[in-house]
Amino acid sequence: MKNFLDRLKWWLFQKNKDCKKCCLRCKYYKTCVIDVTAEEVEIVLSEFDKAYKEFHLTVKERKKALARAIARGLAKALEK
């Protein structure tokens, strides 16, 4: 019964599925599930990698901007 429900959910709600066949009796169901989930994992990992890189770039940029602001503030304080 659980296998039937899993197949039904996959057939109705899976977005990246290429075929239009009914998954309830498909002999390629397990292969399809493995292929699509592997693709989704790759997509999520690539998005995570991009976000991770952007985060570190922004942190570095923030540090540089903070250092520049401190230097400007010190320069203004010394001028007065």
C-alpha atoms as a PDB file:
ATOM      1  CA  MET A   1       0.000   0.000   0.000  1.00  0.00           C
ATOM      2  CA  LYS A   2       2.843   2.423   0.841  1.00  0.00           C
ATOM      3  CA  ASN A   3       4.483   1.712  -2.522  1.00  0.00           C
ATOM      4  CA  PHE A   4       1.208   2.537  -4.279  1.00  0.00           C
ATOM      5  CA  LEU A   5       0.899   5.841  -2.392  1.00  0.00           C
ATOM      6  CA  ASP A   6       4.525   6.741  -3.141  1.00  0.00           C
ATOM      7  CA  ARG A   7       3.998   6.070  -6.830  1.00  0.00           C
ATOM      8  CA  LEU A   8       0.764   8.047  -6.841  1.00  0.00           C
ATOM      9  CA  LYS A   9       2.434  11.063  -5.167  1.00  0.00           C
ATOM     10  CA  TRP A  10       5.343  10.864  -7.603  1.00  0.00           C
ATOM     11  CA  TRP A  11       3.036  10.672 -10.607  1.00  0.00           C
ATOM     12  CA  LEU A  12       0.832  13.571  -9.533  1.00  0.00           C
ATOM     13  CA  PHE A  13       3.281  16.002  -7.956  1.00  0.00           C
ATOM     14  CA  GLN A  14       6.743  15.434  -9.448  1.00  0.00           C
ATOM     15  CA  LYS A  15       7.783  18.506 -11.436  1.00  0.00           C
ATOM     16  CA  ASN A  16      10.985  17.350 -13.154  1.00  0.00           C
ATOM     17  CA  LYS A  17       9.554  14.145 -14.546  1.00  0.00           C
ATOM     18  CA  ASP A  18       9.982  14.055 -18.337  1.00  0.00           C
ATOM     19  CA  CYS A  19       7.564  11.322 -19.303  1.00  0.00           C
ATOM     20  CA  LYS A  20       3.769  11.480 -19.211  1.00  0.00           C
ATOM     21  CA  LYS A  21       3.193   7.797 -18.428  1.00  0.00           C
ATOM     22  CA  CYS A  22       1.316   6.597 -15.399  1.00  0.00           C
ATOM     23  CA  CYS A  23       3.849   5.732 -12.690  1.00  0.00           C
ATOM     24  CA  LEU A  24       1.520   3.293 -10.960  1.00  0.00           C
ATOM     25  CA  ARG A  25       2.467   0.418 -13.277  1.00  0.00           C
ATOM     26  CA  CYS A  26       5.703   1.710 -14.803  1.00  0.00           C
ATOM     27  CA  LYS A  27       8.626  -0.681 -14.762  1.00  0.00           C
ATOM     28  CA  TYR A  28      11.087   2.266 -14.805  1.00  0.00           C
ATOM     29  CA  TYR A  29       9.673   3.915 -11.672  1.00  0.00           C
ATOM     30  CA  LYS A  30      12.718   3.263  -9.446  1.00  0.00           C
ATOM     31  CA  THR A  31      15.157   4.425 -12.109  1.00  0.00           C
ATOM     32  CA  CYS A  32      13.116   7.563 -12.722  1.00  0.00           C
ATOM     33  CA  VAL A  33      12.992   8.401  -9.012  1.00  0.00           C
ATOM     34  CA  ILE A  34      16.739   7.964  -8.635  1.00  0.00           C
ATOM     35  CA  ASP A  35      17.542  10.044 -11.746  1.00  0.00           C
ATOM     36  CA  VAL A  36      15.307  12.967 -10.870  1.00  0.00           C
ATOM     37  CA  THR A  37      16.387  13.052  -7.236  1.00  0.00           C
ATOM     38  CA  ALA A  38      20.039  13.055  -8.284  1.00  0.00           C
ATOM     39  CA  GLU A  39      19.354  16.006 -10.597  1.00  0.00           C
ATOM     40  CA  GLU A  40      17.553  17.866  -7.809  1.00  0.00           C
ATOM     41  CA  VAL A  41      20.472  17.269  -5.445  1.00  0.00           C
ATOM     42  CA  GLU A  42      22.894  18.676  -8.024  1.00  0.00           C
ATOM     43  CA  ILE A  43      20.693  21.747  -8.506  1.00  0.00           C
ATOM     44  CA  VAL A  44      20.415  22.367  -4.773  1.00  0.00           C
ATOM     45  CA  LEU A  45      24.162  21.912  -4.287  1.00  0.00           C
ATOM     46  CA  SER A  46      24.992  24.321  -7.099  1.00  0.00           C
ATOM     47  CA  GLU A  47      22.603  26.932  -5.668  1.00  0.00           C
ATOM     48  CA  PHE A  48      24.105  26.438  -2.215  1.00  0.00           C
ATOM     49  CA  ASP A  49      27.595  26.821  -3.650  1.00  0.00           C
ATOM     50  CA  LYS A  50      26.633  30.090  -5.363  1.00  0.00           C
ATOM     51  CA  ALA A  51      25.033  31.459  -2.201  1.00  0.00           C
ATOM     52  CA  TYR A  52      28.042  30.378  -0.132  1.00  0.00           C
ATOM     53  CA  LYS A  53      30.430  32.186  -2.470  1.00  0.00           C
ATOM     54  CA  GLU A  54      28.254  35.300  -2.540  1.00  0.00           C
ATOM     55  CA  PHE A  55      28.089  35.338   1.251  1.00  0.00           C
ATOM     56  CA  HIS A  56      31.853  35.197   1.586  1.00  0.00           C
ATOM     57  CA  LEU A  57      32.326  37.870  -1.035  1.00  0.00           C
ATOM     58  CA  THR A  58      29.936  40.158   0.749  1.00  0.00           C
ATOM     59  CA  VAL A  59      31.670  39.553   4.067  1.00  0.00           C
ATOM     60  CA  LYS A  60      35.017  40.441   2.508  1.00  0.00           C
ATOM     61  CA  GLU A  61      33.507  43.512   0.885  1.00  0.00           C
ATOM     62  CA  ARG A  62      31.958  44.531   4.211  1.00  0.00           C
ATOM     63  CA  LYS A  63      35.316  44.240   5.937  1.00  0.00           C
ATOM     64  CA  LYS A  64      36.959  46.370   3.263  1.00  0.00           C
ATOM     65  CA  ALA A  65      34.206  48.982   3.439  1.00  0.00           C
ATOM     66  CA  LEU A  66      34.456  49.065   7.224  1.00  0.00           C
ATOM     67  CA  ALA A  67      38.236  49.484   7.056  1.00  0.00           C
ATOM     68  CA  ARG A  68      37.818  52.331   4.544  1.00  0.00           C
ATOM     69  CA  ALA A  69      35.196  54.019   6.739  1.00  0.00           C
ATOM     70  CA  ILE A  70      37.441  53.753   9.785  1.00  0.00           C
ATOM     71  CA  ALA A  71      40.373  55.160   7.815  1.00  0.00           C
ATOM     72  CA  ARG A  72      38.236  58.066   6.591  1.00  0.00           C
ATOM     73  CA  GLY A  73      36.964  58.714  10.108  1.00  0.00           C
ATOM     74  CA  LEU A  74      40.507  58.727  11.482  1.00  0.00           C
ATOM     75  CA  ALA A  75      41.665  61.022   8.696  1.00  0.00           C
ATOM     76  CA  LYS A  76      38.813  63.453   9.413  1.00  0.00           C
ATOM     77  CA  ALA A  77      39.532  63.337  13.142  1.00  0.00           C
ATOM     78  CA  LEU A  78      43.228  64.075  12.537  1.00  0.00           C
ATOM     79  CA  GLU A  79      42.378  66.995  10.241  1.00  0.00           C
ATOM     80  CA  LYS A  80      40.321  68.705  12.943  1.00  0.00           C
END
